[in-house]
Amino acid sequence: MPRSGAEARRRLQQAALELYQEQGFDQTTAAEIAGRAGLNERTFFRHFPDKREVLFDGEADLRAALMQAIAEAPEGLEPFDILLYTFRRSARNLENNRPFSEPRRQIIAMTPALRERDLAKHASLTDAVATALRQRGVGDGLAGLAARTGWAAYQHAVQAWIDDSAQSLDVHLSQAFDDLRSLSAAGLPTRTGPER
């Protein structure tokens, strides 16, 4: 038996990941996950409300970490620089958990119910980022736009890092934010015809 709640959670997460990869998310039960982890089903439900949440554990901690990093970002930074600073700090945890992060993303990508849950979690985190930017004095509309755009750049960088692990996530983050700045600096072509 595991000696701590944290050890039980880790074992349940590892067991779930293995089973989801072997037989698919939909075909796996909470009882099977608990059995693979050497625990009982009751223990599973003490740690996770359902089998989806095994893959989304830590959202509250991530939200708190993102909001704290935004609050602690150096003064005088523009919104995108605040976000780059923030995402660089949170990226360390993702890099440390790469053996879980990479297969987790693959399982989510293959499972419609998990993709829906993932989108809802991302929307919630984006709202938290926007709130933290507003608390730093960024205007309401700009905070929302920066949060949504910055979060998209962050997700783009994470996928690039998973696809190319030769570079650190920090390098991919810098590239994504540089590309975003290039896109916004390029401007839009002017229209010569009538508005539609």
C-alpha atoms as a PDB file:
ATOM      1  CA  MET A   1       0.000   0.000   0.000  1.00  0.00           C
ATOM      2  CA  PRO A   2       1.237   3.524  -0.723  1.00  0.00           C
ATOM      3  CA  ARG A   3       2.359   5.477   2.307  1.00  0.00           C
ATOM      4  CA  SER A   4       0.881   8.811   1.283  1.00  0.00           C
ATOM      5  CA  GLY A   5      -2.009  10.309  -0.606  1.00  0.00           C
ATOM      6  CA  ALA A   6       0.431  11.819  -3.088  1.00  0.00           C
ATOM      7  CA  GLU A   7       1.928   8.389  -3.811  1.00  0.00           C
ATOM      8  CA  ALA A   8      -1.545   6.886  -4.314  1.00  0.00           C
ATOM      9  CA  ARG A   9      -2.460   9.694  -6.733  1.00  0.00           C
ATOM     10  CA  ARG A  10       0.751   9.201  -8.671  1.00  0.00           C
ATOM     11  CA  ARG A  11       0.153   5.456  -8.939  1.00  0.00           C
ATOM     12  CA  LEU A  12      -3.446   5.971 -10.048  1.00  0.00           C
ATOM     13  CA  GLN A  13      -2.357   8.483 -12.687  1.00  0.00           C
ATOM     14  CA  GLN A  14       0.330   6.169 -14.025  1.00  0.00           C
ATOM     15  CA  ALA A  15      -2.058   3.214 -14.104  1.00  0.00           C
ATOM     16  CA  ALA A  16      -4.701   5.260 -15.906  1.00  0.00           C
ATOM     17  CA  LEU A  17      -2.218   6.492 -18.468  1.00  0.00           C
ATOM     18  CA  GLU A  18      -1.051   2.936 -19.190  1.00  0.00           C
ATOM     19  CA  LEU A  19      -4.592   1.575 -19.506  1.00  0.00           C
ATOM     20  CA  TYR A  20      -5.812   4.467 -21.667  1.00  0.00           C
ATOM     21  CA  GLN A  21      -2.896   3.836 -24.023  1.00  0.00           C
ATOM     22  CA  GLU A  22      -3.418   0.071 -24.069  1.00  0.00           C
ATOM     23  CA  GLN A  23      -7.195  -0.172 -24.421  1.00  0.00           C
ATOM     24  CA  GLY A  24      -8.540   3.351 -24.861  1.00  0.00           C
ATOM     25  CA  PHE A  25     -10.196   5.786 -22.499  1.00  0.00           C
ATOM     26  CA  ASP A  26     -13.776   4.697 -23.134  1.00  0.00           C
ATOM     27  CA  GLN A  27     -12.980   1.024 -22.527  1.00  0.00           C
ATOM     28  CA  THR A  28     -11.203   1.634 -19.207  1.00  0.00           C
ATOM     29  CA  THR A  29     -13.028   1.672 -15.867  1.00  0.00           C
ATOM     30  CA  ALA A  30     -12.094   3.287 -12.581  1.00  0.00           C
ATOM     31  CA  ALA A  31     -11.980  -0.204 -11.029  1.00  0.00           C
ATOM     32  CA  GLU A  32      -9.408  -1.319 -13.609  1.00  0.00           C
ATOM     33  CA  ILE A  33      -7.285   1.753 -12.932  1.00  0.00           C
ATOM     34  CA  ALA A  34      -7.391   1.119  -9.187  1.00  0.00           C
ATOM     35  CA  GLY A  35      -6.557  -2.559  -9.690  1.00  0.00           C
ATOM     36  CA  ARG A  36      -3.577  -1.745 -11.922  1.00  0.00           C
ATOM     37  CA  ALA A  37      -2.342   0.671  -9.238  1.00  0.00           C
ATOM     38  CA  GLY A  38      -2.730  -1.979  -6.533  1.00  0.00           C
ATOM     39  CA  LEU A  39      -5.532  -0.037  -4.847  1.00  0.00           C
ATOM     40  CA  ASN A  40      -9.285  -0.392  -4.511  1.00  0.00           C
ATOM     41  CA  GLU A  41     -11.980   1.539  -6.369  1.00  0.00           C
ATOM     42  CA  ARG A  42     -12.958   3.436  -3.235  1.00  0.00           C
ATOM     43  CA  THR A  43      -9.430   4.816  -3.016  1.00  0.00           C
ATOM     44  CA  PHE A  44      -9.677   5.915  -6.646  1.00  0.00           C
ATOM     45  CA  PHE A  45     -12.810   7.954  -5.913  1.00  0.00           C
ATOM     46  CA  ARG A  46     -11.233   9.472  -2.814  1.00  0.00           C
ATOM     47  CA  HIS A  47      -8.663  11.054  -5.115  1.00  0.00           C
ATOM     48  CA  PHE A  48     -10.586  11.660  -8.349  1.00  0.00           C
ATOM     49  CA  PRO A  49     -14.294  12.359  -8.962  1.00  0.00           C
ATOM     50  CA  ASP A  50     -14.210  10.457 -12.276  1.00  0.00           C
ATOM     51  CA  LYS A  51     -11.804   8.794 -14.669  1.00  0.00           C
ATOM     52  CA  ARG A  52     -11.438  11.953 -16.781  1.00  0.00           C
ATOM     53  CA  GLU A  53     -10.027  13.970 -13.899  1.00  0.00           C
ATOM     54  CA  VAL A  54      -7.015  11.668 -13.612  1.00  0.00           C
ATOM     55  CA  LEU A  55      -5.716  13.455 -16.715  1.00  0.00           C
ATOM     56  CA  PHE A  56      -6.634  16.947 -15.490  1.00  0.00           C
ATOM     57  CA  ASP A  57      -5.302  16.796 -11.963  1.00  0.00           C
ATOM     58  CA  GLY A  58      -3.579  19.969 -10.791  1.00  0.00           C
ATOM     59  CA  GLU A  59      -5.747  22.566 -12.558  1.00  0.00           C
ATOM     60  CA  ALA A  60      -6.351  24.535  -9.341  1.00  0.00           C
ATOM     61  CA  ASP A  61      -2.620  24.558  -8.613  1.00  0.00           C
ATOM     62  CA  LEU A  62      -1.840  25.689 -12.162  1.00  0.00           C
ATOM     63  CA  ARG A  63      -4.437  28.467 -11.963  1.00  0.00           C
ATOM     64  CA  ALA A  64      -2.959  29.712  -8.692  1.00  0.00           C
ATOM     65  CA  ALA A  65       0.598  29.507 -10.061  1.00  0.00           C
ATOM     66  CA  LEU A  66      -0.320  31.441 -13.223  1.00  0.00           C
ATOM     67  CA  MET A  67      -2.107  34.161 -11.293  1.00  0.00           C
ATOM     68  CA  GLN A  68       0.761  34.459  -8.816  1.00  0.00           C
ATOM     69  CA  ALA A  69       3.364  34.649 -11.595  1.00  0.00           C
ATOM     70  CA  ILE A  70       1.395  37.424 -13.323  1.00  0.00           C
ATOM     71  CA  ALA A  71       1.166  39.329 -10.055  1.00  0.00           C
ATOM     72  CA  GLU A  72       4.912  38.902  -9.452  1.00  0.00           C
ATOM     73  CA  ALA A  73       6.065  39.784 -12.983  1.00  0.00           C
ATOM     74  CA  PRO A  74       8.429  42.788 -13.035  1.00  0.00           C
ATOM     75  CA  GLU A  75       6.836  46.205 -13.314  1.00  0.00           C
ATOM     76  CA  GLY A  76       6.807  47.967 -16.656  1.00  0.00           C
ATOM     77  CA  LEU A  77       6.274  44.877 -18.816  1.00  0.00           C
ATOM     78  CA  GLU A  78       3.740  44.900 -21.635  1.00  0.00           C
ATOM     79  CA  PRO A  79       0.939  42.279 -21.416  1.00  0.00           C
ATOM     80  CA  PHE A  80       2.630  39.793 -23.789  1.00  0.00           C
ATOM     81  CA  ASP A  81       5.893  40.064 -21.857  1.00  0.00           C
ATOM     82  CA  ILE A  82       4.019  39.442 -18.609  1.00  0.00           C
ATOM     83  CA  LEU A  83       2.500  36.333 -20.174  1.00  0.00           C
ATOM     84  CA  LEU A  84       5.818  35.088 -21.536  1.00  0.00           C
ATOM     85  CA  TYR A  85       7.353  35.529 -18.077  1.00  0.00           C
ATOM     86  CA  THR A  86       4.391  33.667 -16.550  1.00  0.00           C
ATOM     87  CA  PHE A  87       4.364  30.777 -19.009  1.00  0.00           C
ATOM     88  CA  ARG A  88       8.122  30.326 -18.666  1.00  0.00           C
ATOM     89  CA  ARG A  89       7.659  29.841 -14.924  1.00  0.00           C
ATOM     90  CA  SER A  90       4.836  27.321 -15.351  1.00  0.00           C
ATOM     91  CA  ALA A  91       6.721  25.503 -18.119  1.00  0.00           C
ATOM     92  CA  ARG A  92       9.193  24.106 -15.599  1.00  0.00           C
ATOM     93  CA  ASN A  93       6.515  21.842 -14.117  1.00  0.00           C
ATOM     94  CA  LEU A  94       5.462  20.672 -17.565  1.00  0.00           C
ATOM     95  CA  GLU A  95       9.057  19.844 -18.498  1.00  0.00           C
ATOM     96  CA  ASN A  96       9.536  17.937 -15.241  1.00  0.00           C
ATOM     97  CA  ASN A  97       6.397  15.904 -16.005  1.00  0.00           C
ATOM     98  CA  ARG A  98       7.136  15.210 -19.680  1.00  0.00           C
ATOM     99  CA  PRO A  99       6.702  11.397 -19.318  1.00  0.00           C
ATOM    100  CA  PHE A 100       3.093  12.107 -18.274  1.00  0.00           C
ATOM    101  CA  SER A 101       2.445  15.242 -20.378  1.00  0.00           C
ATOM    102  CA  GLU A 102       3.192  13.803 -23.804  1.00  0.00           C
ATOM    103  CA  PRO A 103       1.010  10.666 -23.678  1.00  0.00           C
ATOM    104  CA  ARG A 104      -1.681  12.637 -21.843  1.00  0.00           C
ATOM    105  CA  ARG A 105      -1.985  15.032 -24.802  1.00  0.00           C
ATOM    106  CA  GLN A 106      -2.161  12.099 -27.225  1.00  0.00           C
ATOM    107  CA  ILE A 107      -4.946  10.421 -25.248  1.00  0.00           C
ATOM    108  CA  ILE A 108      -6.919  13.681 -25.068  1.00  0.00           C
ATOM    109  CA  ALA A 109      -6.492  14.269 -28.813  1.00  0.00           C
ATOM    110  CA  MET A 110      -7.976  10.823 -29.584  1.00  0.00           C
ATOM    111  CA  THR A 111     -10.993  11.094 -27.238  1.00  0.00           C
ATOM    112  CA  PRO A 112     -13.859  13.534 -27.981  1.00  0.00           C
ATOM    113  CA  ALA A 113     -15.116  13.643 -24.358  1.00  0.00           C
ATOM    114  CA  LEU A 114     -11.623  14.485 -23.160  1.00  0.00           C
ATOM    115  CA  ARG A 115     -11.121  17.149 -25.847  1.00  0.00           C
ATOM    116  CA  GLU A 116     -14.311  18.822 -24.660  1.00  0.00           C
ATOM    117  CA  ARG A 117     -13.121  18.726 -21.038  1.00  0.00           C
ATOM    118  CA  ASP A 118      -9.697  20.021 -22.118  1.00  0.00           C
ATOM    119  CA  LEU A 119     -11.277  22.988 -23.926  1.00  0.00           C
ATOM    120  CA  ALA A 120     -13.366  23.830 -20.864  1.00  0.00           C
ATOM    121  CA  LYS A 121     -10.285  23.690 -18.633  1.00  0.00           C
ATOM    122  CA  HIS A 122      -8.345  25.899 -21.058  1.00  0.00           C
ATOM    123  CA  ALA A 123     -11.188  28.427 -21.109  1.00  0.00           C
ATOM    124  CA  SER A 124     -11.199  28.508 -17.314  1.00  0.00           C
ATOM    125  CA  LEU A 125      -7.422  29.031 -17.172  1.00  0.00           C
ATOM    126  CA  THR A 126      -7.609  31.729 -19.846  1.00  0.00           C
ATOM    127  CA  ASP A 127     -10.231  33.551 -17.765  1.00  0.00           C
ATOM    128  CA  ALA A 128      -7.939  33.339 -14.733  1.00  0.00           C
ATOM    129  CA  VAL A 129      -5.042  34.787 -16.756  1.00  0.00           C
ATOM    130  CA  ALA A 130      -7.260  37.640 -17.971  1.00  0.00           C
ATOM    131  CA  THR A 131      -8.394  38.338 -14.407  1.00  0.00           C
ATOM    132  CA  ALA A 132      -4.796  38.471 -13.188  1.00  0.00           C
ATOM    133  CA  LEU A 133      -3.874  40.881 -16.007  1.00  0.00           C
ATOM    134  CA  ARG A 134      -6.804  43.125 -15.056  1.00  0.00           C
ATOM    135  CA  GLN A 135      -5.584  43.092 -11.461  1.00  0.00           C
ATOM    136  CA  ARG A 136      -2.287  44.476 -12.769  1.00  0.00           C
ATOM    137  CA  GLY A 137      -4.148  47.351 -14.399  1.00  0.00           C
ATOM    138  CA  VAL A 138      -4.473  46.042 -17.959  1.00  0.00           C
ATOM    139  CA  GLY A 139      -7.744  47.248 -19.484  1.00  0.00           C
ATOM    140  CA  ASP A 140     -10.664  44.819 -19.595  1.00  0.00           C
ATOM    141  CA  GLY A 141     -10.790  44.219 -23.361  1.00  0.00           C
ATOM    142  CA  LEU A 142      -7.027  44.144 -23.796  1.00  0.00           C
ATOM    143  CA  ALA A 143      -6.620  41.733 -20.870  1.00  0.00           C
ATOM    144  CA  GLY A 144      -9.099  39.300 -22.416  1.00  0.00           C
ATOM    145  CA  LEU A 145      -7.529  39.507 -25.861  1.00  0.00           C
ATOM    146  CA  ALA A 146      -3.990  39.152 -24.486  1.00  0.00           C
ATOM    147  CA  ALA A 147      -5.010  36.161 -22.356  1.00  0.00           C
ATOM    148  CA  ARG A 148      -6.684  34.321 -25.248  1.00  0.00           C
ATOM    149  CA  THR A 149      -3.906  35.088 -27.708  1.00  0.00           C
ATOM    150  CA  GLY A 150      -1.137  34.377 -25.213  1.00  0.00           C
ATOM    151  CA  TRP A 151      -2.748  31.092 -24.176  1.00  0.00           C
ATOM    152  CA  ALA A 152      -2.949  30.037 -27.836  1.00  0.00           C
ATOM    153  CA  ALA A 153       0.765  30.840 -28.255  1.00  0.00           C
ATOM    154  CA  TYR A 154       1.526  28.843 -25.099  1.00  0.00           C
ATOM    155  CA  GLN A 155      -0.396  25.807 -26.390  1.00  0.00           C
ATOM    156  CA  HIS A 156       1.333  26.140 -29.759  1.00  0.00           C
ATOM    157  CA  ALA A 157       4.721  26.148 -28.004  1.00  0.00           C
ATOM    158  CA  VAL A 158       3.831  23.093 -25.902  1.00  0.00           C
ATOM    159  CA  GLN A 159       2.840  21.133 -29.003  1.00  0.00           C
ATOM    160  CA  ALA A 160       6.040  22.219 -30.783  1.00  0.00           C
ATOM    161  CA  TRP A 161       8.051  21.067 -27.753  1.00  0.00           C
ATOM    162  CA  ILE A 162       6.316  17.679 -27.749  1.00  0.00           C
ATOM    163  CA  ASP A 163       7.001  17.343 -31.483  1.00  0.00           C
ATOM    164  CA  ASP A 164      10.638  18.514 -31.117  1.00  0.00           C
ATOM    165  CA  SER A 165      12.151  17.720 -27.753  1.00  0.00           C
ATOM    166  CA  ALA A 166      15.655  18.665 -28.948  1.00  0.00           C
ATOM    167  CA  GLN A 167      14.778  22.245 -27.932  1.00  0.00           C
ATOM    168  CA  SER A 168      13.588  23.214 -24.473  1.00  0.00           C
ATOM    169  CA  LEU A 169      10.043  24.385 -23.888  1.00  0.00           C
ATOM    170  CA  ASP A 170      11.501  27.798 -23.057  1.00  0.00           C
ATOM    171  CA  VAL A 171      12.982  28.031 -26.563  1.00  0.00           C
ATOM    172  CA  HIS A 172       9.648  27.067 -28.106  1.00  0.00           C
ATOM    173  CA  LEU A 173       7.852  29.634 -25.935  1.00  0.00           C
ATOM    174  CA  SER A 174      10.233  32.394 -27.017  1.00  0.00           C
ATOM    175  CA  GLN A 175       9.739  31.413 -30.658  1.00  0.00           C
ATOM    176  CA  ALA A 176       5.947  31.365 -30.370  1.00  0.00           C
ATOM    177  CA  PHE A 177       5.840  34.794 -28.757  1.00  0.00           C
ATOM    178  CA  ASP A 178       8.340  36.188 -31.275  1.00  0.00           C
ATOM    179  CA  ASP A 179       6.159  34.831 -34.081  1.00  0.00           C
ATOM    180  CA  LEU A 180       3.100  36.386 -32.473  1.00  0.00           C
ATOM    181  CA  ARG A 181       4.830  39.756 -32.301  1.00  0.00           C
ATOM    182  CA  SER A 182       5.892  39.414 -35.944  1.00  0.00           C
ATOM    183  CA  LEU A 183       2.332  38.694 -36.969  1.00  0.00           C
ATOM    184  CA  SER A 184       1.014  41.747 -35.160  1.00  0.00           C
ATOM    185  CA  ALA A 185       3.842  43.986 -36.434  1.00  0.00           C
ATOM    186  CA  ALA A 186       3.286  42.942 -40.035  1.00  0.00           C
ATOM    187  CA  GLY A 187      -0.098  44.636 -40.049  1.00  0.00           C
ATOM    188  CA  LEU A 188      -3.021  43.837 -42.266  1.00  0.00           C
ATOM    189  CA  PRO A 189      -3.150  44.686 -45.966  1.00  0.00           C
ATOM    190  CA  THR A 190      -5.312  47.690 -46.755  1.00  0.00           C
ATOM    191  CA  ARG A 191      -8.548  47.097 -48.582  1.00  0.00           C
ATOM    192  CA  THR A 192      -9.111  48.806 -51.877  1.00  0.00           C
ATOM    193  CA  GLY A 193     -12.645  47.623 -52.548  1.00  0.00           C
ATOM    194  CA  PRO A 194     -15.909  48.372 -50.734  1.00  0.00           C
ATOM    195  CA  GLU A 195     -16.578  46.897 -47.297  1.00  0.00           C
ATOM    196  CA  ARG A 196     -18.700  43.753 -47.279  1.00  0.00           C
END
